[in-house]
C-alpha atoms as a PDB file:
ATOM      1  CA  MET A   1     -94.059  14.516 -49.303  1.00  0.00           C
ATOM      2  CA  PRO A   2     -92.419  13.463 -46.008  1.00  0.00           C
ATOM      3  CA  GLU A   3     -90.080  10.499 -46.019  1.00  0.00           C
ATOM      4  CA  VAL A   4     -91.705   7.313 -44.727  1.00  0.00           C
ATOM      5  CA  LYS A   5     -89.910   5.725 -41.812  1.00  0.00           C
ATOM      6  CA  HIS A   6     -90.190   1.961 -42.012  1.00  0.00           C
ATOM      7  CA  VAL A   7     -90.310  -0.486 -39.153  1.00  0.00           C
ATOM      8  CA  GLY A   8     -87.009  -2.316 -38.945  1.00  0.00           C
ATOM      9  CA  VAL A   9     -86.737  -6.096 -38.819  1.00  0.00           C
ATOM     10  CA  VAL A  10     -83.947  -7.954 -36.992  1.00  0.00           C
ATOM     11  CA  LEU A  11     -83.511 -11.680 -37.563  1.00  0.00           C
ATOM     12  CA  VAL A  12     -81.838 -13.407 -34.621  1.00  0.00           C
ATOM     13  CA  SER A  13     -80.541 -16.895 -35.299  1.00  0.00           C
ATOM     14  CA  HIS A  14     -77.914 -19.215 -33.912  1.00  0.00           C
ATOM     15  CA  SER A  15     -76.431 -19.228 -37.407  1.00  0.00           C
ATOM     16  CA  ALA A  16     -75.178 -16.193 -39.319  1.00  0.00           C
ATOM     17  CA  ALA A  17     -75.877 -18.031 -42.594  1.00  0.00           C
ATOM     18  CA  VAL A  18     -79.490 -18.720 -41.607  1.00  0.00           C
ATOM     19  CA  ALA A  19     -80.118 -15.110 -40.529  1.00  0.00           C
ATOM     20  CA  GLU A  20     -78.533 -13.761 -43.718  1.00  0.00           C
ATOM     21  CA  SER A  21     -80.436 -16.204 -45.946  1.00  0.00           C
ATOM     22  CA  VAL A  22     -83.792 -15.412 -44.363  1.00  0.00           C
ATOM     23  CA  ALA A  23     -83.050 -11.685 -44.722  1.00  0.00           C
ATOM     24  CA  ALA A  24     -82.292 -12.163 -48.431  1.00  0.00           C
ATOM     25  CA  LEU A  25     -85.434 -14.272 -48.897  1.00  0.00           C
ATOM     26  CA  CYS A  26     -87.579 -11.605 -47.248  1.00  0.00           C
ATOM     27  CA  LYS A  27     -86.187  -8.860 -49.450  1.00  0.00           C
ATOM     28  CA  ALA A  28     -86.693 -10.954 -52.596  1.00  0.00           C
ATOM     29  CA  LEU A  29     -90.265 -11.956 -51.755  1.00  0.00           C
ATOM     30  CA  ALA A  30     -91.333  -8.488 -50.625  1.00  0.00           C
ATOM     31  CA  GLY A  31     -90.505  -6.906 -53.953  1.00  0.00           C
ATOM     32  CA  GLY A  32     -89.337  -3.392 -54.758  1.00  0.00           C
ATOM     33  CA  GLY A  33     -90.756  -1.742 -51.652  1.00  0.00           C
ATOM     34  CA  ALA A  34     -88.580  -3.909 -49.443  1.00  0.00           C
ATOM     35  CA  GLU A  35     -85.457  -1.955 -50.369  1.00  0.00           C
ATOM     36  CA  ALA A  36     -86.602   0.756 -47.950  1.00  0.00           C
ATOM     37  CA  VAL A  37     -87.070  -1.703 -45.072  1.00  0.00           C
ATOM     38  CA  PRO A  38     -84.057  -2.026 -42.796  1.00  0.00           C
ATOM     39  CA  VAL A  39     -83.666  -5.790 -42.424  1.00  0.00           C
ATOM     40  CA  ARG A  40     -80.681  -6.825 -40.349  1.00  0.00           C
ATOM     41  CA  PRO A  41     -79.434 -10.363 -39.710  1.00  0.00           C
ATOM     42  CA  ALA A  42     -77.991 -10.973 -36.251  1.00  0.00           C
ATOM     43  CA  GLY A  43     -76.811 -14.541 -36.282  1.00  0.00           C
ATOM     44  CA  GLY A  44     -74.043 -16.508 -34.751  1.00  0.00           C
ATOM     45  CA  THR A  45     -71.127 -15.302 -32.701  1.00  0.00           C
ATOM     46  CA  PRO A  46     -68.488 -12.684 -33.540  1.00  0.00           C
ATOM     47  CA  ASP A  47     -65.950 -15.414 -34.310  1.00  0.00           C
ATOM     48  CA  GLY A  48     -68.281 -17.028 -36.858  1.00  0.00           C
ATOM     49  CA  GLY A  49     -69.490 -19.828 -34.621  1.00  0.00           C
ATOM     50  CA  PHE A  50     -72.980 -20.973 -33.769  1.00  0.00           C
ATOM     51  CA  GLY A  51     -74.751 -19.221 -30.928  1.00  0.00           C
ATOM     52  CA  THR A  52     -76.125 -15.821 -30.094  1.00  0.00           C
ATOM     53  CA  ASP A  53     -74.388 -12.618 -29.106  1.00  0.00           C
ATOM     54  CA  ALA A  54     -76.138  -9.791 -27.253  1.00  0.00           C
ATOM     55  CA  ASP A  55     -73.825  -7.121 -28.679  1.00  0.00           C
ATOM     56  CA  LEU A  56     -74.476  -8.219 -32.278  1.00  0.00           C
ATOM     57  CA  ILE A  57     -78.230  -8.243 -31.674  1.00  0.00           C
ATOM     58  CA  ALA A  58     -78.255  -4.823 -29.999  1.00  0.00           C
ATOM     59  CA  ALA A  59     -76.122  -3.319 -32.782  1.00  0.00           C
ATOM     60  CA  ALA A  60     -78.429  -4.766 -35.446  1.00  0.00           C
ATOM     61  CA  ALA A  61     -81.484  -3.342 -33.674  1.00  0.00           C
ATOM     62  CA  ARG A  62     -79.929   0.115 -33.401  1.00  0.00           C
ATOM     63  CA  ASP A  63     -78.938  -0.021 -37.071  1.00  0.00           C
ATOM     64  CA  ALA A  64     -82.438  -1.090 -38.138  1.00  0.00           C
ATOM     65  CA  ASP A  65     -84.159   1.677 -36.155  1.00  0.00           C
ATOM     66  CA  GLN A  66     -85.418   4.478 -38.401  1.00  0.00           C
ATOM     67  CA  GLY A  67     -87.651   5.860 -35.661  1.00  0.00           C
ATOM     68  CA  ALA A  68     -90.730   3.741 -36.482  1.00  0.00           C
ATOM     69  CA  GLY A  69     -89.796   0.817 -34.237  1.00  0.00           C
ATOM     70  CA  VAL A  70     -88.058  -2.502 -34.660  1.00  0.00           C
ATOM     71  CA  VAL A  71     -89.399  -6.045 -34.528  1.00  0.00           C
ATOM     72  CA  LEU A  72     -87.059  -8.854 -33.605  1.00  0.00           C
ATOM     73  CA  LEU A  73     -87.730 -12.447 -34.609  1.00  0.00           C
ATOM     74  CA  ALA A  74     -85.683 -15.196 -33.004  1.00  0.00           C
ATOM     75  CA  ASP A  75     -85.221 -18.773 -34.121  1.00  0.00           C
ATOM     76  CA  LEU A  76     -85.185 -20.694 -30.816  1.00  0.00           C
ATOM     77  CA  GLY A  77     -83.873 -21.202 -27.305  1.00  0.00           C
ATOM     78  CA  SER A  78     -81.086 -18.886 -26.280  1.00  0.00           C
ATOM     79  CA  ALA A  79     -81.815 -16.504 -29.157  1.00  0.00           C
ATOM     80  CA  VAL A  80     -85.216 -15.842 -27.581  1.00  0.00           C
ATOM     81  CA  LEU A  81     -83.736 -15.594 -24.096  1.00  0.00           C
ATOM     82  CA  THR A  82     -81.025 -13.187 -25.238  1.00  0.00           C
ATOM     83  CA  VAL A  83     -83.536 -10.871 -26.920  1.00  0.00           C
ATOM     84  CA  LYS A  84     -85.803 -11.000 -23.843  1.00  0.00           C
ATOM     85  CA  ALA A  85     -82.859 -10.023 -21.636  1.00  0.00           C
ATOM     86  CA  LEU A  86     -81.954  -7.133 -23.942  1.00  0.00           C
ATOM     87  CA  VAL A  87     -85.553  -5.876 -23.861  1.00  0.00           C
ATOM     88  CA  GLU A  88     -85.747  -6.182 -20.061  1.00  0.00           C
ATOM     89  CA  ASP A  89     -82.392  -4.433 -19.608  1.00  0.00           C
ATOM     90  CA  GLU A  90     -83.505  -1.652 -22.011  1.00  0.00           C
ATOM     91  CA  GLU A  91     -80.485  -2.207 -24.250  1.00  0.00           C
ATOM     92  CA  LEU A  92     -82.535  -2.019 -27.451  1.00  0.00           C
ATOM     93  CA  PRO A  93     -84.192   0.981 -29.096  1.00  0.00           C
ATOM     94  CA  GLU A  94     -87.250   2.209 -27.195  1.00  0.00           C
ATOM     95  CA  GLN A  95     -89.744   0.773 -29.660  1.00  0.00           C
ATOM     96  CA  ALA A  96     -88.064  -2.607 -30.109  1.00  0.00           C
ATOM     97  CA  ARG A  97     -90.272  -5.656 -29.665  1.00  0.00           C
ATOM     98  CA  LEU A  98     -89.630  -9.380 -29.633  1.00  0.00           C
ATOM     99  CA  VAL A  99     -92.381 -10.938 -31.748  1.00  0.00           C
ATOM    100  CA  ASP A 100     -93.744 -14.407 -31.110  1.00  0.00           C
ATOM    101  CA  ALA A 101     -93.820 -15.629 -34.701  1.00  0.00           C
ATOM    102  CA  PRO A 102     -92.474 -18.448 -36.866  1.00  0.00           C
ATOM    103  CA  PHE A 103     -88.998 -17.417 -37.959  1.00  0.00           C
ATOM    104  CA  VAL A 104     -89.239 -17.596 -41.759  1.00  0.00           C
ATOM    105  CA  GLU A 105     -92.952 -16.961 -42.357  1.00  0.00           C
ATOM    106  CA  GLY A 106     -93.069 -14.271 -39.677  1.00  0.00           C
ATOM    107  CA  ALA A 107     -90.023 -12.536 -41.095  1.00  0.00           C
ATOM    108  CA  VAL A 108     -91.493 -12.457 -44.600  1.00  0.00           C
ATOM    109  CA  ALA A 109     -94.815 -11.121 -43.276  1.00  0.00           C
ATOM    110  CA  ALA A 110     -93.022  -8.455 -41.233  1.00  0.00           C
ATOM    111  CA  VAL A 111     -90.900  -7.231 -44.140  1.00  0.00           C
ATOM    112  CA  VAL A 112     -93.802  -7.231 -46.607  1.00  0.00           C
ATOM    113  CA  THR A 113     -95.987  -5.308 -44.162  1.00  0.00           C
ATOM    114  CA  SER A 114     -93.237  -2.840 -43.263  1.00  0.00           C
ATOM    115  CA  SER A 115     -92.606  -2.206 -46.962  1.00  0.00           C
ATOM    116  CA  THR A 116     -96.121  -0.755 -47.209  1.00  0.00           C
ATOM    117  CA  GLY A 117     -95.277   1.876 -44.603  1.00  0.00           C
ATOM    118  CA  ALA A 118     -97.371   0.170 -41.918  1.00  0.00           C
ATOM    119  CA  ASP A 119     -96.821   1.039 -38.273  1.00  0.00           C
ATOM    120  CA  LEU A 120     -95.159  -1.073 -35.593  1.00  0.00           C
ATOM    121  CA  ALA A 121     -98.392  -2.664 -34.353  1.00  0.00           C
ATOM    122  CA  ALA A 122     -99.362  -3.738 -37.877  1.00  0.00           C
ATOM    123  CA  VAL A 123     -95.916  -5.216 -38.598  1.00  0.00           C
ATOM    124  CA  GLU A 124     -95.909  -7.061 -35.281  1.00  0.00           C
ATOM    125  CA  GLY A 125     -99.436  -8.338 -35.939  1.00  0.00           C
ATOM    126  CA  ALA A 126     -98.610  -9.547 -39.447  1.00  0.00           C
ATOM    127  CA  ALA A 127     -95.602 -11.490 -38.173  1.00  0.00           C
ATOM    128  CA  SER A 128     -97.602 -13.060 -35.323  1.00  0.00           C
ATOM    129  CA  GLU A 129    -100.456 -14.017 -37.643  1.00  0.00           C
ATOM    130  CA  ALA A 130     -98.028 -16.140 -39.639  1.00  0.00           C
ATOM    131  CA  TYR A 131     -98.688 -18.899 -37.071  1.00  0.00           C
ATOM    132  CA  ASP A 132    -102.077 -19.257 -38.750  1.00  0.00           C
ATOM    133  CA  TYR A 133    -100.679 -19.967 -42.230  1.00  0.00           C
ATOM    134  CA  ARG A 134    -101.829 -23.467 -43.127  1.00  0.00           C
ATOM    135  CA  LYS A 135     -99.837 -25.622 -45.512  1.00  0.00           C
ATOM    136  CA  VAL A 136    -102.362 -28.388 -45.956  1.00  0.00           C
END
């Protein structure tokens, strides 16, 4: 049986701790299948400060790319702008997409969906649909 290539997930936050925590949460909630999903946090600056860094984001996207595509979820502001610039400048893998989704819920949906072997469109759709999750 051929090896399944999973869609990678990159979590872009102004905080390394937030990106790492959301990555760990996703893996825990997605169960055993999530071990095959390349989830990469890309938070903060190289010196450990708050902010975003294009080189860290691009490296995380390349590392998460197994050939099935990569979705990037960003927390806010300059994280979104930095990912948009990387996409426009073609500095990310060919099938890398910024997804308009809530950061935590979208990340969990993306990782769970990728863990099933779903394609890029399905993972992107699952993350985007997280806007519809109602809490009351």
